[in-house]
N, C-alpha and C. Protein backbone atom coordinates (compact mmCIF):
# COMPACT_ATOMS: atom_id res chain seq x y z
N MET A 1 106.86 -64.30 -38.72
CA MET A 1 105.58 -63.73 -38.37
C MET A 1 104.65 -63.87 -39.57
N THR A 2 103.46 -64.39 -39.34
CA THR A 2 102.52 -64.62 -40.43
C THR A 2 101.76 -63.34 -40.77
N ILE A 3 101.10 -63.34 -41.91
CA ILE A 3 100.30 -62.19 -42.33
C ILE A 3 99.15 -61.95 -41.37
N ASP A 4 98.58 -63.02 -40.82
CA ASP A 4 97.48 -62.87 -39.85
C ASP A 4 97.96 -62.19 -38.57
N THR A 5 99.14 -62.54 -38.12
CA THR A 5 99.70 -61.91 -36.92
C THR A 5 99.98 -60.44 -37.18
N MET A 6 100.54 -60.11 -38.34
CA MET A 6 100.81 -58.71 -38.69
C MET A 6 99.51 -57.92 -38.81
N THR A 7 98.47 -58.56 -39.35
CA THR A 7 97.17 -57.90 -39.46
C THR A 7 96.61 -57.58 -38.08
N GLN A 8 96.68 -58.54 -37.18
CA GLN A 8 96.16 -58.31 -35.83
C GLN A 8 96.96 -57.25 -35.08
N LEU A 9 98.28 -57.24 -35.27
CA LEU A 9 99.10 -56.22 -34.63
C LEU A 9 98.81 -54.83 -35.21
N GLY A 10 98.58 -54.77 -36.52
CA GLY A 10 98.22 -53.49 -37.15
C GLY A 10 96.90 -52.97 -36.62
N ILE A 11 95.93 -53.84 -36.50
CA ILE A 11 94.62 -53.45 -35.96
C ILE A 11 94.77 -52.97 -34.52
N LEU A 12 95.50 -53.71 -33.72
CA LEU A 12 95.67 -53.36 -32.31
C LEU A 12 96.40 -52.02 -32.16
N ALA A 13 97.52 -51.88 -32.83
CA ALA A 13 98.34 -50.67 -32.65
C ALA A 13 97.66 -49.44 -33.24
N LEU A 14 97.16 -49.53 -34.46
CA LEU A 14 96.62 -48.35 -35.13
C LEU A 14 95.21 -48.00 -34.64
N SER A 15 94.33 -48.98 -34.58
CA SER A 15 92.96 -48.69 -34.13
C SER A 15 92.92 -48.31 -32.66
N GLY A 16 93.62 -49.08 -31.85
CA GLY A 16 93.62 -48.80 -30.42
C GLY A 16 94.19 -47.43 -30.09
N THR A 17 95.32 -47.11 -30.68
CA THR A 17 95.92 -45.80 -30.44
C THR A 17 95.07 -44.69 -31.03
N GLY A 18 94.50 -44.92 -32.20
CA GLY A 18 93.64 -43.91 -32.82
C GLY A 18 92.42 -43.59 -31.99
N ILE A 19 91.77 -44.61 -31.46
CA ILE A 19 90.59 -44.39 -30.62
C ILE A 19 90.99 -43.67 -29.34
N TRP A 20 92.12 -44.05 -28.76
CA TRP A 20 92.59 -43.39 -27.54
C TRP A 20 92.88 -41.91 -27.81
N LEU A 21 93.54 -41.62 -28.93
CA LEU A 21 93.87 -40.23 -29.25
C LEU A 21 92.63 -39.38 -29.49
N VAL A 22 91.66 -39.91 -30.19
CA VAL A 22 90.43 -39.15 -30.49
C VAL A 22 89.70 -38.78 -29.20
N GLY A 23 89.81 -39.60 -28.20
CA GLY A 23 89.14 -39.32 -26.93
C GLY A 23 89.87 -38.32 -26.05
N ARG A 24 91.07 -37.91 -26.43
CA ARG A 24 91.85 -36.98 -25.62
C ARG A 24 91.40 -35.55 -25.85
N PRO A 25 91.52 -34.67 -24.84
CA PRO A 25 91.13 -33.27 -25.01
C PRO A 25 92.22 -32.40 -25.64
N GLU A 26 93.44 -32.90 -25.75
CA GLU A 26 94.54 -32.09 -26.27
C GLU A 26 94.41 -31.89 -27.78
N PRO A 27 95.06 -30.85 -28.31
CA PRO A 27 94.97 -30.58 -29.75
C PRO A 27 95.54 -31.70 -30.62
N TRP A 28 96.47 -32.49 -30.10
CA TRP A 28 97.05 -33.55 -30.91
C TRP A 28 96.12 -34.74 -31.08
N ARG A 29 94.90 -34.64 -30.58
CA ARG A 29 93.94 -35.74 -30.76
C ARG A 29 93.61 -35.96 -32.23
N ARG A 30 93.80 -34.94 -33.05
CA ARG A 30 93.48 -35.09 -34.48
C ARG A 30 94.34 -36.15 -35.16
N TRP A 31 95.48 -36.49 -34.57
CA TRP A 31 96.29 -37.57 -35.12
C TRP A 31 95.57 -38.92 -35.01
N GLY A 32 94.62 -39.03 -34.12
CA GLY A 32 93.86 -40.26 -33.99
C GLY A 32 93.09 -40.62 -35.25
N TYR A 33 92.62 -39.60 -35.96
CA TYR A 33 91.89 -39.86 -37.21
C TYR A 33 92.82 -40.44 -38.28
N ILE A 34 94.05 -39.96 -38.32
CA ILE A 34 95.04 -40.50 -39.26
C ILE A 34 95.33 -41.96 -38.93
N LEU A 35 95.56 -42.25 -37.65
CA LEU A 35 95.85 -43.63 -37.26
C LEU A 35 94.65 -44.54 -37.50
N GLY A 36 93.46 -44.07 -37.16
CA GLY A 36 92.27 -44.88 -37.37
C GLY A 36 92.04 -45.19 -38.84
N LEU A 37 92.24 -44.19 -39.69
CA LEU A 37 92.07 -44.42 -41.12
C LEU A 37 93.14 -45.35 -41.67
N SER A 38 94.36 -45.23 -41.15
CA SER A 38 95.43 -46.10 -41.64
C SER A 38 95.26 -47.55 -41.18
N ALA A 39 94.42 -47.80 -40.19
CA ALA A 39 94.15 -49.17 -39.74
C ALA A 39 93.12 -49.87 -40.61
N GLN A 40 92.37 -49.14 -41.41
CA GLN A 40 91.27 -49.73 -42.15
C GLN A 40 91.68 -50.79 -43.18
N PRO A 41 92.82 -50.65 -43.86
CA PRO A 41 93.22 -51.77 -44.75
C PRO A 41 93.42 -53.08 -44.00
N PHE A 42 93.93 -53.01 -42.77
CA PHE A 42 94.08 -54.23 -41.96
C PHE A 42 92.72 -54.83 -41.65
N TRP A 43 91.76 -53.97 -41.27
CA TRP A 43 90.41 -54.45 -40.99
C TRP A 43 89.78 -55.07 -42.23
N LEU A 44 89.95 -54.42 -43.38
CA LEU A 44 89.36 -54.92 -44.61
C LEU A 44 89.96 -56.27 -45.00
N TYR A 45 91.27 -56.41 -44.89
CA TYR A 45 91.92 -57.69 -45.18
C TYR A 45 91.41 -58.76 -44.22
N MET A 46 91.33 -58.41 -42.92
CA MET A 46 90.88 -59.38 -41.92
C MET A 46 89.44 -59.82 -42.16
N SER A 47 88.61 -58.93 -42.69
CA SER A 47 87.20 -59.30 -42.89
C SER A 47 86.95 -59.99 -44.23
N CYS A 48 87.74 -59.69 -45.23
CA CYS A 48 87.49 -60.28 -46.56
C CYS A 48 88.14 -61.65 -46.73
N THR A 49 89.22 -61.90 -46.04
CA THR A 49 89.90 -63.20 -46.19
C THR A 49 88.99 -64.36 -45.80
N PRO A 50 88.34 -64.34 -44.62
CA PRO A 50 87.42 -65.44 -44.30
C PRO A 50 85.98 -65.17 -44.76
N GLU A 51 85.81 -64.16 -45.62
CA GLU A 51 84.50 -63.80 -46.18
C GLU A 51 83.49 -63.41 -45.10
N LEU A 52 83.90 -62.54 -44.21
CA LEU A 52 83.01 -61.97 -43.19
C LEU A 52 82.44 -60.67 -43.75
N TRP A 53 81.43 -60.77 -44.59
CA TRP A 53 80.95 -59.63 -45.35
C TRP A 53 80.28 -58.56 -44.49
N GLY A 54 79.66 -58.96 -43.41
CA GLY A 54 79.08 -57.96 -42.50
C GLY A 54 80.15 -57.09 -41.88
N VAL A 55 81.26 -57.71 -41.47
CA VAL A 55 82.38 -56.96 -40.91
C VAL A 55 83.01 -56.08 -41.99
N ALA A 56 83.05 -56.57 -43.22
CA ALA A 56 83.61 -55.78 -44.32
C ALA A 56 82.78 -54.53 -44.57
N VAL A 57 81.46 -54.65 -44.54
CA VAL A 57 80.59 -53.49 -44.73
C VAL A 57 80.76 -52.52 -43.56
N LEU A 58 80.84 -53.04 -42.36
CA LEU A 58 81.07 -52.18 -41.19
C LEU A 58 82.43 -51.48 -41.30
N THR A 59 83.43 -52.17 -41.81
CA THR A 59 84.74 -51.57 -42.01
C THR A 59 84.67 -50.40 -42.98
N LEU A 60 83.90 -50.54 -44.05
CA LEU A 60 83.75 -49.44 -45.00
C LEU A 60 83.04 -48.26 -44.36
N PHE A 61 82.04 -48.53 -43.53
CA PHE A 61 81.34 -47.47 -42.82
C PHE A 61 82.28 -46.75 -41.85
N CYS A 62 83.08 -47.52 -41.11
CA CYS A 62 84.05 -46.91 -40.19
C CYS A 62 85.12 -46.14 -40.96
N SER A 63 85.51 -46.63 -42.11
CA SER A 63 86.49 -45.91 -42.94
C SER A 63 85.94 -44.54 -43.32
N TYR A 64 84.67 -44.48 -43.65
CA TYR A 64 84.04 -43.21 -43.98
C TYR A 64 84.07 -42.27 -42.78
N GLY A 65 83.80 -42.80 -41.59
CA GLY A 65 83.84 -41.98 -40.38
C GLY A 65 85.24 -41.46 -40.08
N TRP A 66 86.25 -42.33 -40.20
CA TRP A 66 87.63 -41.88 -39.99
C TRP A 66 88.03 -40.86 -41.06
N ALA A 67 87.59 -41.07 -42.30
CA ALA A 67 87.92 -40.12 -43.37
C ALA A 67 87.28 -38.77 -43.11
N GLN A 68 86.08 -38.75 -42.55
CA GLN A 68 85.46 -37.47 -42.18
C GLN A 68 86.30 -36.76 -41.13
N GLY A 69 86.81 -37.50 -40.17
CA GLY A 69 87.67 -36.91 -39.16
C GLY A 69 88.93 -36.32 -39.76
N VAL A 70 89.54 -37.03 -40.72
CA VAL A 70 90.72 -36.50 -41.40
C VAL A 70 90.34 -35.24 -42.17
N TRP A 71 89.21 -35.27 -42.84
CA TRP A 71 88.78 -34.12 -43.63
C TRP A 71 88.56 -32.89 -42.74
N PHE A 72 87.81 -33.07 -41.65
CA PHE A 72 87.46 -31.93 -40.82
C PHE A 72 88.56 -31.47 -39.87
N HIS A 73 89.52 -32.33 -39.57
CA HIS A 73 90.57 -31.92 -38.64
C HIS A 73 91.90 -31.66 -39.33
N TRP A 74 92.04 -32.05 -40.61
CA TRP A 74 93.28 -31.80 -41.33
C TRP A 74 93.07 -30.94 -42.57
N VAL A 75 92.08 -31.28 -43.38
CA VAL A 75 91.89 -30.57 -44.65
C VAL A 75 91.13 -29.27 -44.44
N LYS A 76 90.03 -29.31 -43.72
CA LYS A 76 89.17 -28.14 -43.47
C LYS A 76 88.97 -27.92 -41.97
N PRO A 77 90.03 -27.63 -41.22
CA PRO A 77 89.86 -27.49 -39.77
C PRO A 77 89.01 -26.29 -39.37
N GLU A 78 88.88 -25.30 -40.24
CA GLU A 78 88.04 -24.15 -39.90
C GLU A 78 86.56 -24.50 -39.87
N ALA A 79 86.18 -25.64 -40.43
CA ALA A 79 84.78 -26.07 -40.44
C ALA A 79 84.37 -26.74 -39.13
N VAL A 80 85.32 -27.05 -38.26
CA VAL A 80 85.01 -27.73 -37.00
C VAL A 80 84.42 -26.72 -36.02
N GLN A 81 83.27 -27.07 -35.47
CA GLN A 81 82.62 -26.22 -34.48
C GLN A 81 83.37 -26.35 -33.15
N PRO A 82 83.63 -25.24 -32.47
CA PRO A 82 84.29 -25.36 -31.17
C PRO A 82 83.37 -26.03 -30.15
N GLU A 83 83.96 -26.82 -29.29
CA GLU A 83 83.18 -27.48 -28.25
C GLU A 83 82.83 -26.47 -27.17
N THR A 84 81.63 -26.58 -26.64
CA THR A 84 81.23 -25.71 -25.56
C THR A 84 81.20 -26.51 -24.27
N GLY A 85 81.40 -25.82 -23.18
CA GLY A 85 81.38 -26.48 -21.87
C GLY A 85 79.97 -26.71 -21.40
N PRO A 86 79.83 -27.14 -20.16
CA PRO A 86 78.49 -27.35 -19.61
C PRO A 86 77.76 -26.01 -19.49
N PRO A 87 76.43 -26.04 -19.52
CA PRO A 87 75.68 -24.79 -19.43
C PRO A 87 75.94 -24.08 -18.11
N ASP A 88 75.94 -22.78 -18.16
CA ASP A 88 76.15 -21.97 -16.97
C ASP A 88 74.86 -21.96 -16.15
N GLU A 89 74.89 -22.59 -14.98
CA GLU A 89 73.68 -22.73 -14.18
C GLU A 89 73.19 -21.41 -13.62
N THR A 90 74.10 -20.46 -13.39
CA THR A 90 73.66 -19.17 -12.87
C THR A 90 72.84 -18.44 -13.92
N LYS A 91 73.18 -18.64 -15.15
CA LYS A 91 72.43 -18.03 -16.25
C LYS A 91 71.03 -18.63 -16.33
N LEU A 92 70.94 -19.94 -16.15
CA LEU A 92 69.65 -20.60 -16.23
C LEU A 92 68.73 -20.17 -15.09
N THR A 93 69.26 -20.07 -13.89
CA THR A 93 68.41 -19.72 -12.75
C THR A 93 68.02 -18.25 -12.78
N SER A 94 68.90 -17.39 -13.32
CA SER A 94 68.56 -15.97 -13.31
C SER A 94 67.49 -15.64 -14.35
N GLU A 95 67.34 -16.48 -15.37
CA GLU A 95 66.34 -16.22 -16.40
C GLU A 95 65.01 -16.91 -16.11
N THR A 96 64.96 -17.76 -15.09
CA THR A 96 63.74 -18.48 -14.75
C THR A 96 62.85 -17.58 -13.89
N PRO A 97 61.61 -17.33 -14.30
CA PRO A 97 60.71 -16.49 -13.50
C PRO A 97 60.43 -17.11 -12.15
N GLU A 98 60.17 -16.28 -11.17
CA GLU A 98 59.87 -16.73 -9.80
C GLU A 98 58.57 -17.55 -9.83
N GLY A 99 58.60 -18.72 -9.24
CA GLY A 99 57.43 -19.56 -9.14
C GLY A 99 57.07 -20.32 -10.42
N PHE A 100 57.94 -20.28 -11.42
CA PHE A 100 57.68 -20.97 -12.68
C PHE A 100 57.89 -22.47 -12.50
N VAL A 101 56.91 -23.25 -12.92
CA VAL A 101 57.02 -24.71 -12.88
C VAL A 101 56.81 -25.20 -14.31
N PRO A 102 57.83 -25.83 -14.90
CA PRO A 102 57.68 -26.28 -16.30
C PRO A 102 56.67 -27.42 -16.41
N ASP A 103 55.97 -27.45 -17.53
CA ASP A 103 54.99 -28.49 -17.80
C ASP A 103 55.71 -29.66 -18.45
N ILE A 104 55.87 -30.75 -17.75
CA ILE A 104 56.60 -31.91 -18.30
C ILE A 104 55.65 -33.07 -18.62
N THR A 105 54.36 -32.79 -18.68
CA THR A 105 53.39 -33.85 -18.93
C THR A 105 53.23 -34.18 -20.41
N THR A 106 53.72 -33.33 -21.29
CA THR A 106 53.53 -33.57 -22.72
C THR A 106 54.58 -34.45 -23.28
């Protein structure tokens, strides 16, 4: 197996699984940030070998994003804001005055 094949398999397995995990609603989704960050060396190698500098810069930007996920979901999980559900429509309608028409022309 060549280094290029191993690089592509690393990108596929780690990035693909990481993105899938981050999109999950379960608590174990935080593992996706670990997998995504661990895929970044493969991306960097893949972009620097043929001198694809735009992809290399994008890889560094994505690495920063994955690192933020690791920071907020592993190092400082208390800093993560809880997700809220959709707005309660009964609350919205009960607070709207009778006959009120919002001005949407501005």
